[in-house]
Amino acid sequence: MTTSYFQNLVESIETLPIEDQDYLFDLIRKRRIEKRRSEIADNARAVLTDFQQGKAKIGTVNDLITDLLKEDDESSLE
């Protein structure tokens, strides 16, 4: 988005009555929240699918560190 387009958009919004500006901001905020919720749900479905296919593991942070160190040791031997 170019600066002039954005500036024109802001100026157009500023010409709206305060009530309409408030409504617009509330609408945009709610849509952003819903979009983020959808992204989180998509990510959760992907992780669940990976887990079901054996591509993901459950464990503690210490388990993760151990796995990462093990992978690092194995790659240094190659």
PDB file of N, CA and C in Angstrom:
ATOM      1  N   MET A   1       0.850  -1.165   0.000  1.00  0.00           N
ATOM      2  CA  MET A   1       0.000   0.000   0.000  1.00  0.00           C
ATOM      3  C   MET A   1       0.903   1.238   0.000  1.00  0.00           C
ATOM      4  N   THR A   2       0.647   2.131  -0.907  1.00  0.00           N
ATOM      5  CA  THR A   2       1.467   3.334  -0.993  1.00  0.00           C
ATOM      6  C   THR A   2       1.074   4.328   0.082  1.00  0.00           C
ATOM      7  N   THR A   3       2.013   5.197   0.404  1.00  0.00           N
ATOM      8  CA  THR A   3       1.779   6.205   1.441  1.00  0.00           C
ATOM      9  C   THR A   3       0.615   7.117   1.062  1.00  0.00           C
ATOM     10  N   SER A   4       0.552   7.518  -0.200  1.00  0.00           N
ATOM     11  CA  SER A   4      -0.529   8.422  -0.602  1.00  0.00           C
ATOM     12  C   SER A   4      -1.885   7.731  -0.500  1.00  0.00           C
ATOM     13  N   TYR A   5      -1.961   6.453  -0.842  1.00  0.00           N
ATOM     14  CA  TYR A   5      -3.211   5.715  -0.712  1.00  0.00           C
ATOM     15  C   TYR A   5      -3.631   5.665   0.755  1.00  0.00           C
ATOM     16  N   PHE A   6      -2.669   5.320   1.608  1.00  0.00           N
ATOM     17  CA  PHE A   6      -2.947   5.235   3.032  1.00  0.00           C
ATOM     18  C   PHE A   6      -3.365   6.596   3.573  1.00  0.00           C
ATOM     19  N   GLN A   7      -2.680   7.634   3.174  1.00  0.00           N
ATOM     20  CA  GLN A   7      -3.017   8.985   3.633  1.00  0.00           C
ATOM     21  C   GLN A   7      -4.415   9.376   3.173  1.00  0.00           C
ATOM     22  N   ASN A   8      -4.753   9.049   1.929  1.00  0.00           N
ATOM     23  CA  ASN A   8      -6.102   9.341   1.427  1.00  0.00           C
ATOM     24  C   ASN A   8      -7.160   8.572   2.211  1.00  0.00           C
ATOM     25  N   LEU A   9      -6.853   7.334   2.554  1.00  0.00           N
ATOM     26  CA  LEU A   9      -7.774   6.527   3.339  1.00  0.00           C
ATOM     27  C   LEU A   9      -8.002   7.146   4.716  1.00  0.00           C
ATOM     28  N   VAL A  10      -6.921   7.542   5.366  1.00  0.00           N
ATOM     29  CA  VAL A  10      -7.026   8.179   6.685  1.00  0.00           C
ATOM     30  C   VAL A  10      -7.843   9.471   6.584  1.00  0.00           C
ATOM     31  N   GLU A  11      -7.566  10.267   5.588  1.00  0.00           N
ATOM     32  CA  GLU A  11      -8.307  11.525   5.420  1.00  0.00           C
ATOM     33  C   GLU A  11      -9.784  11.262   5.165  1.00  0.00           C
ATOM     34  N   SER A  12     -10.094  10.218   4.405  1.00  0.00           N
ATOM     35  CA  SER A  12     -11.498   9.874   4.151  1.00  0.00           C
ATOM     36  C   SER A  12     -12.193   9.460   5.439  1.00  0.00           C
ATOM     37  N   ILE A  13     -11.503   8.681   6.250  1.00  0.00           N
ATOM     38  CA  ILE A  13     -12.078   8.242   7.526  1.00  0.00           C
ATOM     39  C   ILE A  13     -12.302   9.437   8.442  1.00  0.00           C
ATOM     40  N   GLU A  14     -11.371  10.383   8.419  1.00  0.00           N
ATOM     41  CA  GLU A  14     -11.503  11.559   9.271  1.00  0.00           C
ATOM     42  C   GLU A  14     -12.711  12.420   8.902  1.00  0.00           C
ATOM     43  N   THR A  15     -13.200  12.295   7.680  1.00  0.00           N
ATOM     44  CA  THR A  15     -14.382  13.073   7.277  1.00  0.00           C
ATOM     45  C   THR A  15     -15.675  12.453   7.787  1.00  0.00           C
ATOM     46  N   LEU A  16     -15.612  11.209   8.238  1.00  0.00           N
ATOM     47  CA  LEU A  16     -16.803  10.552   8.766  1.00  0.00           C
ATOM     48  C   LEU A  16     -17.179  11.131  10.124  1.00  0.00           C
ATOM     49  N   PRO A  17     -18.450  11.070  10.462  1.00  0.00           N
ATOM     50  CA  PRO A  17     -18.856  11.473  11.819  1.00  0.00           C
ATOM     51  C   PRO A  17     -18.153  10.579  12.847  1.00  0.00           C
ATOM     52  N   ILE A  18     -17.949  11.099  14.035  1.00  0.00           N
ATOM     53  CA  ILE A  18     -17.246  10.367  15.098  1.00  0.00           C
ATOM     54  C   ILE A  18     -17.882   9.001  15.349  1.00  0.00           C
ATOM     55  N   GLU A  19     -19.216   8.947  15.362  1.00  0.00           N
ATOM     56  CA  GLU A  19     -19.897   7.673  15.616  1.00  0.00           C
ATOM     57  C   GLU A  19     -19.537   6.638  14.539  1.00  0.00           C
ATOM     58  N   ASP A  20     -19.474   7.082  13.290  1.00  0.00           N
ATOM     59  CA  ASP A  20     -19.114   6.177  12.198  1.00  0.00           C
ATOM     60  C   ASP A  20     -17.650   5.750  12.299  1.00  0.00           C
ATOM     61  N   GLN A  21     -16.784   6.674  12.707  1.00  0.00           N
ATOM     62  CA  GLN A  21     -15.378   6.315  12.902  1.00  0.00           C
ATOM     63  C   GLN A  21     -15.252   5.255  13.997  1.00  0.00           C
ATOM     64  N   ASP A  22     -15.970   5.467  15.102  1.00  0.00           N
ATOM     65  CA  ASP A  22     -15.944   4.491  16.197  1.00  0.00           C
ATOM     66  C   ASP A  22     -16.447   3.136  15.726  1.00  0.00           C
ATOM     67  N   TYR A  23     -17.540   3.141  14.966  1.00  0.00           N
ATOM     68  CA  TYR A  23     -18.096   1.891  14.447  1.00  0.00           C
ATOM     69  C   TYR A  23     -17.074   1.197  13.538  1.00  0.00           C
ATOM     70  N   LEU A  24     -16.438   1.970  12.660  1.00  0.00           N
ATOM     71  CA  LEU A  24     -15.443   1.407  11.740  1.00  0.00           C
ATOM     72  C   LEU A  24     -14.268   0.796  12.503  1.00  0.00           C
ATOM     73  N   PHE A  25     -13.757   1.508  13.489  1.00  0.00           N
ATOM     74  CA  PHE A  25     -12.630   0.995  14.268  1.00  0.00           C
ATOM     75  C   PHE A  25     -13.016  -0.274  15.020  1.00  0.00           C
ATOM     76  N   ASP A  26     -14.228  -0.293  15.579  1.00  0.00           N
ATOM     77  CA  ASP A  26     -14.701  -1.476  16.290  1.00  0.00           C
ATOM     78  C   ASP A  26     -14.859  -2.655  15.324  1.00  0.00           C
ATOM     79  N   LEU A  27     -15.394  -2.388  14.153  1.00  0.00           N
ATOM     80  CA  LEU A  27     -15.566  -3.429  13.137  1.00  0.00           C
ATOM     81  C   LEU A  27     -14.219  -3.998  12.701  1.00  0.00           C
ATOM     82  N   ILE A  28     -13.257  -3.142  12.445  1.00  0.00           N
ATOM     83  CA  ILE A  28     -11.921  -3.590  12.040  1.00  0.00           C
ATOM     84  C   ILE A  28     -11.279  -4.403  13.156  1.00  0.00           C
ATOM     85  N   ARG A  29     -11.388  -3.945  14.391  1.00  0.00           N
ATOM     86  CA  ARG A  29     -10.805  -4.664  15.526  1.00  0.00           C
ATOM     87  C   ARG A  29     -11.412  -6.054  15.645  1.00  0.00           C
ATOM     88  N   LYS A  30     -12.740  -6.143  15.549  1.00  0.00           N
ATOM     89  CA  LYS A  30     -13.409  -7.438  15.656  1.00  0.00           C
ATOM     90  C   LYS A  30     -13.011  -8.367  14.511  1.00  0.00           C
ATOM     91  N   ARG A  31     -12.881  -7.831  13.314  1.00  0.00           N
ATOM     92  CA  ARG A  31     -12.475  -8.663  12.175  1.00  0.00           C
ATOM     93  C   ARG A  31     -11.038  -9.160  12.334  1.00  0.00           C
ATOM     94  N   ARG A  32     -10.162  -8.310  12.871  1.00  0.00           N
ATOM     95  CA  ARG A  32      -8.775  -8.732  13.110  1.00  0.00           C
ATOM     96  C   ARG A  32      -8.720  -9.839  14.157  1.00  0.00           C
ATOM     97  N   ILE A  33      -9.538  -9.700  15.201  1.00  0.00           N
ATOM     98  CA  ILE A  33      -9.597 -10.731  16.240  1.00  0.00           C
ATOM     99  C   ILE A  33     -10.079 -12.044  15.631  1.00  0.00           C
ATOM    100  N   GLU A  34     -11.127 -11.984  14.839  1.00  0.00           N
ATOM    101  CA  GLU A  34     -11.672 -13.201  14.229  1.00  0.00           C
ATOM    102  C   GLU A  34     -10.659 -13.829  13.266  1.00  0.00           C
ATOM    103  N   LYS A  35      -9.942 -13.003  12.516  1.00  0.00           N
ATOM    104  CA  LYS A  35      -8.923 -13.527  11.607  1.00  0.00           C
ATOM    105  C   LYS A  35      -7.822 -14.232  12.396  1.00  0.00           C
ATOM    106  N   ARG A  36      -7.398 -13.634  13.488  1.00  0.00           N
ATOM    107  CA  ARG A  36      -6.350 -14.240  14.314  1.00  0.00           C
ATOM    108  C   ARG A  36      -6.834 -15.552  14.920  1.00  0.00           C
ATOM    109  N   ARG A  37      -8.083 -15.584  15.365  1.00  0.00           N
ATOM    110  CA  ARG A  37      -8.651 -16.830  15.896  1.00  0.00           C
ATOM    111  C   ARG A  37      -8.645 -17.919  14.826  1.00  0.00           C
ATOM    112  N   SER A  38      -8.990 -17.539  13.622  1.00  0.00           N
ATOM    113  CA  SER A  38      -8.996 -18.495  12.516  1.00  0.00           C
ATOM    114  C   SER A  38      -7.589 -19.015  12.234  1.00  0.00           C
ATOM    115  N   GLU A  39      -6.599 -18.125  12.268  1.00  0.00           N
ATOM    116  CA  GLU A  39      -5.210 -18.543  12.059  1.00  0.00           C
ATOM    117  C   GLU A  39      -4.759 -19.502  13.158  1.00  0.00           C
ATOM    118  N   ILE A  40      -5.127 -19.210  14.402  1.00  0.00           N
ATOM    119  CA  ILE A  40      -4.764 -20.081  15.523  1.00  0.00           C
ATOM    120  C   ILE A  40      -5.415 -21.444  15.349  1.00  0.00           C
ATOM    121  N   ALA A  41      -6.680 -21.471  14.946  1.00  0.00           N
ATOM    122  CA  ALA A  41      -7.382 -22.743  14.733  1.00  0.00           C
ATOM    123  C   ALA A  41      -6.730 -23.536  13.606  1.00  0.00           C
ATOM    124  N   ASP A  42      -6.350 -22.853  12.526  1.00  0.00           N
ATOM    125  CA  ASP A  42      -5.664 -23.524  11.412  1.00  0.00           C
ATOM    126  C   ASP A  42      -4.347 -24.134  11.880  1.00  0.00           C
ATOM    127  N   ASN A  43      -3.586 -23.375  12.671  1.00  0.00           N
ATOM    128  CA  ASN A  43      -2.319 -23.876  13.201  1.00  0.00           C
ATOM    129  C   ASN A  43      -2.544 -25.083  14.106  1.00  0.00           C
ATOM    130  N   ALA A  44      -3.577 -25.027  14.939  1.00  0.00           N
ATOM    131  CA  ALA A  44      -3.877 -26.143  15.838  1.00  0.00           C
ATOM    132  C   ALA A  44      -4.235 -27.391  15.046  1.00  0.00           C
ATOM    133  N   ARG A  45      -5.032 -27.219  13.984  1.00  0.00           N
ATOM    134  CA  ARG A  45      -5.381 -28.375  13.141  1.00  0.00           C
ATOM    135  C   ARG A  45      -4.137 -28.962  12.488  1.00  0.00           C
ATOM    136  N   ALA A  46      -3.239 -28.112  12.030  1.00  0.00           N
ATOM    137  CA  ALA A  46      -2.012 -28.596  11.389  1.00  0.00           C
ATOM    138  C   ALA A  46      -1.141 -29.359  12.381  1.00  0.00           C
ATOM    139  N   VAL A  47      -1.016 -28.857  13.595  1.00  0.00           N
ATOM    140  CA  VAL A  47      -0.223 -29.538  14.616  1.00  0.00           C
ATOM    141  C   VAL A  47      -0.867 -30.870  14.975  1.00  0.00           C
ATOM    142  N   LEU A  48      -2.172 -30.892  15.111  1.00  0.00           N
ATOM    143  CA  LEU A  48      -2.865 -32.140  15.427  1.00  0.00           C
ATOM    144  C   LEU A  48      -2.657 -33.163  14.317  1.00  0.00           C
ATOM    145  N   THR A  49      -2.747 -32.735  13.076  1.00  0.00           N
ATOM    146  CA  THR A  49      -2.504 -33.635  11.951  1.00  0.00           C
ATOM    147  C   THR A  49      -1.077 -34.158  11.987  1.00  0.00           C
ATOM    148  N   ASP A  50      -0.114 -33.276  12.214  1.00  0.00           N
ATOM    149  CA  ASP A  50       1.284 -33.709  12.308  1.00  0.00           C
ATOM    150  C   ASP A  50       1.468 -34.709  13.447  1.00  0.00           C
ATOM    151  N   PHE A  51       0.826 -34.466  14.570  1.00  0.00           N
ATOM    152  CA  PHE A  51       0.944 -35.375  15.708  1.00  0.00           C
ATOM    153  C   PHE A  51       0.353 -36.737  15.356  1.00  0.00           C
ATOM    154  N   GLN A  52      -0.811 -36.733  14.725  1.00  0.00           N
ATOM    155  CA  GLN A  52      -1.462 -37.984  14.350  1.00  0.00           C
ATOM    156  C   GLN A  52      -0.641 -38.763  13.329  1.00  0.00           C
ATOM    157  N   GLN A  53       0.134 -38.065  12.510  1.00  0.00           N
ATOM    158  CA  GLN A  53       0.976 -38.711  11.508  1.00  0.00           C
ATOM    159  C   GLN A  53       2.368 -39.037  12.047  1.00  0.00           C
ATOM    160  N   GLY A  54       2.593 -38.762  13.317  1.00  0.00           N
ATOM    161  CA  GLY A  54       3.882 -39.058  13.932  1.00  0.00           C
ATOM    162  C   GLY A  54       4.977 -38.060  13.614  1.00  0.00           C
ATOM    163  N   LYS A  55       4.602 -36.905  13.131  1.00  0.00           N
ATOM    164  CA  LYS A  55       5.583 -35.872  12.779  1.00  0.00           C
ATOM    165  C   LYS A  55       5.844 -34.912  13.932  1.00  0.00           C
ATOM    166  N   ALA A  56       5.077 -35.035  15.007  1.00  0.00           N
ATOM    167  CA  ALA A  56       5.241 -34.151  16.166  1.00  0.00           C
ATOM    168  C   ALA A  56       5.221 -35.002  17.429  1.00  0.00           C
ATOM    169  N   LYS A  57       5.877 -34.505  18.453  1.00  0.00           N
ATOM    170  CA  LYS A  57       5.965 -35.223  19.717  1.00  0.00           C
ATOM    171  C   LYS A  57       5.406 -34.372  20.844  1.00  0.00           C
ATOM    172  N   ILE A  58       5.072 -35.057  21.942  1.00  0.00           N
ATOM    173  CA  ILE A  58       4.670 -34.377  23.163  1.00  0.00           C
ATOM    174  C   ILE A  58       5.798 -34.567  24.166  1.00  0.00           C
ATOM    175  N   GLY A  59       6.153 -33.516  24.868  1.00  0.00           N
ATOM    176  CA  GLY A  59       7.197 -33.621  25.874  1.00  0.00           C
ATOM    177  C   GLY A  59       7.401 -32.314  26.596  1.00  0.00           C
ATOM    178  N   THR A  60       8.367 -32.344  27.479  1.00  0.00           N
ATOM    179  CA  THR A  60       8.706 -31.154  28.256  1.00  0.00           C
ATOM    180  C   THR A  60       9.758 -30.339  27.506  1.00  0.00           C
ATOM    181  N   VAL A  61      10.059 -29.187  28.035  1.00  0.00           N
ATOM    182  CA  VAL A  61      11.126 -28.366  27.459  1.00  0.00           C
ATOM    183  C   VAL A  61      12.455 -29.118  27.533  1.00  0.00           C
ATOM    184  N   ASN A  62      12.670 -29.819  28.643  1.00  0.00           N
ATOM    185  CA  ASN A  62      13.904 -30.601  28.769  1.00  0.00           C
ATOM    186  C   ASN A  62      13.981 -31.694  27.706  1.00  0.00           C
ATOM    187  N   ASP A  63      12.837 -32.326  27.395  1.00  0.00           N
ATOM    188  CA  ASP A  63      12.811 -33.322  26.318  1.00  0.00           C
ATOM    189  C   ASP A  63      13.202 -32.684  24.995  1.00  0.00           C
ATOM    190  N   LEU A  64      12.695 -31.496  24.727  1.00  0.00           N
ATOM    191  CA  LEU A  64      13.023 -30.780  23.496  1.00  0.00           C
ATOM    192  C   LEU A  64      14.513 -30.478  23.428  1.00  0.00           C
ATOM    193  N   ILE A  65      15.054 -29.972  24.513  1.00  0.00           N
ATOM    194  CA  ILE A  65      16.490 -29.648  24.547  1.00  0.00           C
ATOM    195  C   ILE A  65      17.316 -30.903  24.310  1.00  0.00           C
ATOM    196  N   THR A  66      16.939 -32.005  24.949  1.00  0.00           N
ATOM    197  CA  THR A  66      17.655 -33.265  24.765  1.00  0.00           C
ATOM    198  C   THR A  66      17.608 -33.702  23.309  1.00  0.00           C
ATOM    199  N   ASP A  67      16.421 -33.637  22.694  1.00  0.00           N
ATOM    200  CA  ASP A  67      16.289 -34.010  21.282  1.00  0.00           C
ATOM    201  C   ASP A  67      17.135 -33.112  20.387  1.00  0.00           C
ATOM    202  N   LEU A  68      17.127 -31.823  20.657  1.00  0.00           N
ATOM    203  CA  LEU A  68      17.906 -30.897  19.833  1.00  0.00           C
ATOM    204  C   LEU A  68      19.404 -31.155  19.974  1.00  0.00           C
ATOM    205  N   LEU A  69      19.846 -31.406  21.189  1.00  0.00           N
ATOM    206  CA  LEU A  69      21.265 -31.698  21.400  1.00  0.00           C
ATOM    207  C   LEU A  69      21.656 -33.016  20.737  1.00  0.00           C
ATOM    208  N   LYS A  70      20.753 -33.994  20.789  1.00  0.00           N
ATOM    209  CA  LYS A  70      21.014 -35.280  20.152  1.00  0.00           C
ATOM    210  C   LYS A  70      21.135 -35.107  18.636  1.00  0.00           C
ATOM    211  N   GLU A  71      20.235 -34.328  18.047  1.00  0.00           N
ATOM    212  CA  GLU A  71      20.287 -34.063  16.608  1.00  0.00           C
ATOM    213  C   GLU A  71      21.566 -33.331  16.241  1.00  0.00           C
ATOM    214  N   ASP A  72      21.983 -32.383  17.081  1.00  0.00           N
ATOM    215  CA  ASP A  72      23.206 -31.629  16.818  1.00  0.00           C
ATOM    216  C   ASP A  72      24.417 -32.555  16.869  1.00  0.00           C
ATOM    217  N   ASP A  73      24.450 -33.471  17.859  1.00  0.00           N
ATOM    218  CA  ASP A  73      25.554 -34.423  17.965  1.00  0.00           C
ATOM    219  C   ASP A  73      25.584 -35.359  16.755  1.00  0.00           C
ATOM    220  N   GLU A  74      24.410 -35.820  16.315  1.00  0.00           N
ATOM    221  CA  GLU A  74      24.349 -36.733  15.175  1.00  0.00           C
ATOM    222  C   GLU A  74      24.783 -36.047  13.885  1.00  0.00           C
ATOM    223  N   SER A  75      24.422 -34.780  13.718  1.00  0.00           N
ATOM    224  CA  SER A  75      24.807 -34.078  12.490  1.00  0.00           C
ATOM    225  C   SER A  75      26.279 -33.754  12.472  1.00  0.00           C
ATOM    226  N   SER A  76      26.896 -33.575  13.642  1.00  0.00           N
ATOM    227  CA  SER A  76      28.330 -33.285  13.674  1.00  0.00           C
ATOM    228  C   SER A  76      29.170 -34.517  13.386  1.00  0.00           C
ATOM    229  N   LEU A  77      28.575 -35.720  13.522  1.00  0.00           N
ATOM    230  CA  LEU A  77      29.287 -36.957  13.245  1.00  0.00           C
ATOM    231  C   LEU A  77      29.303 -37.289  11.758  1.00  0.00           C
ATOM    232  N   GLU A  78      28.422 -36.673  11.012  1.00  0.00           N
ATOM    233  CA  GLU A  78      28.311 -36.969   9.572  1.00  0.00           C
ATOM    234  C   GLU A  78      29.387 -36.331   8.768  1.00  0.00           C
TER     235      GLU A  78
END
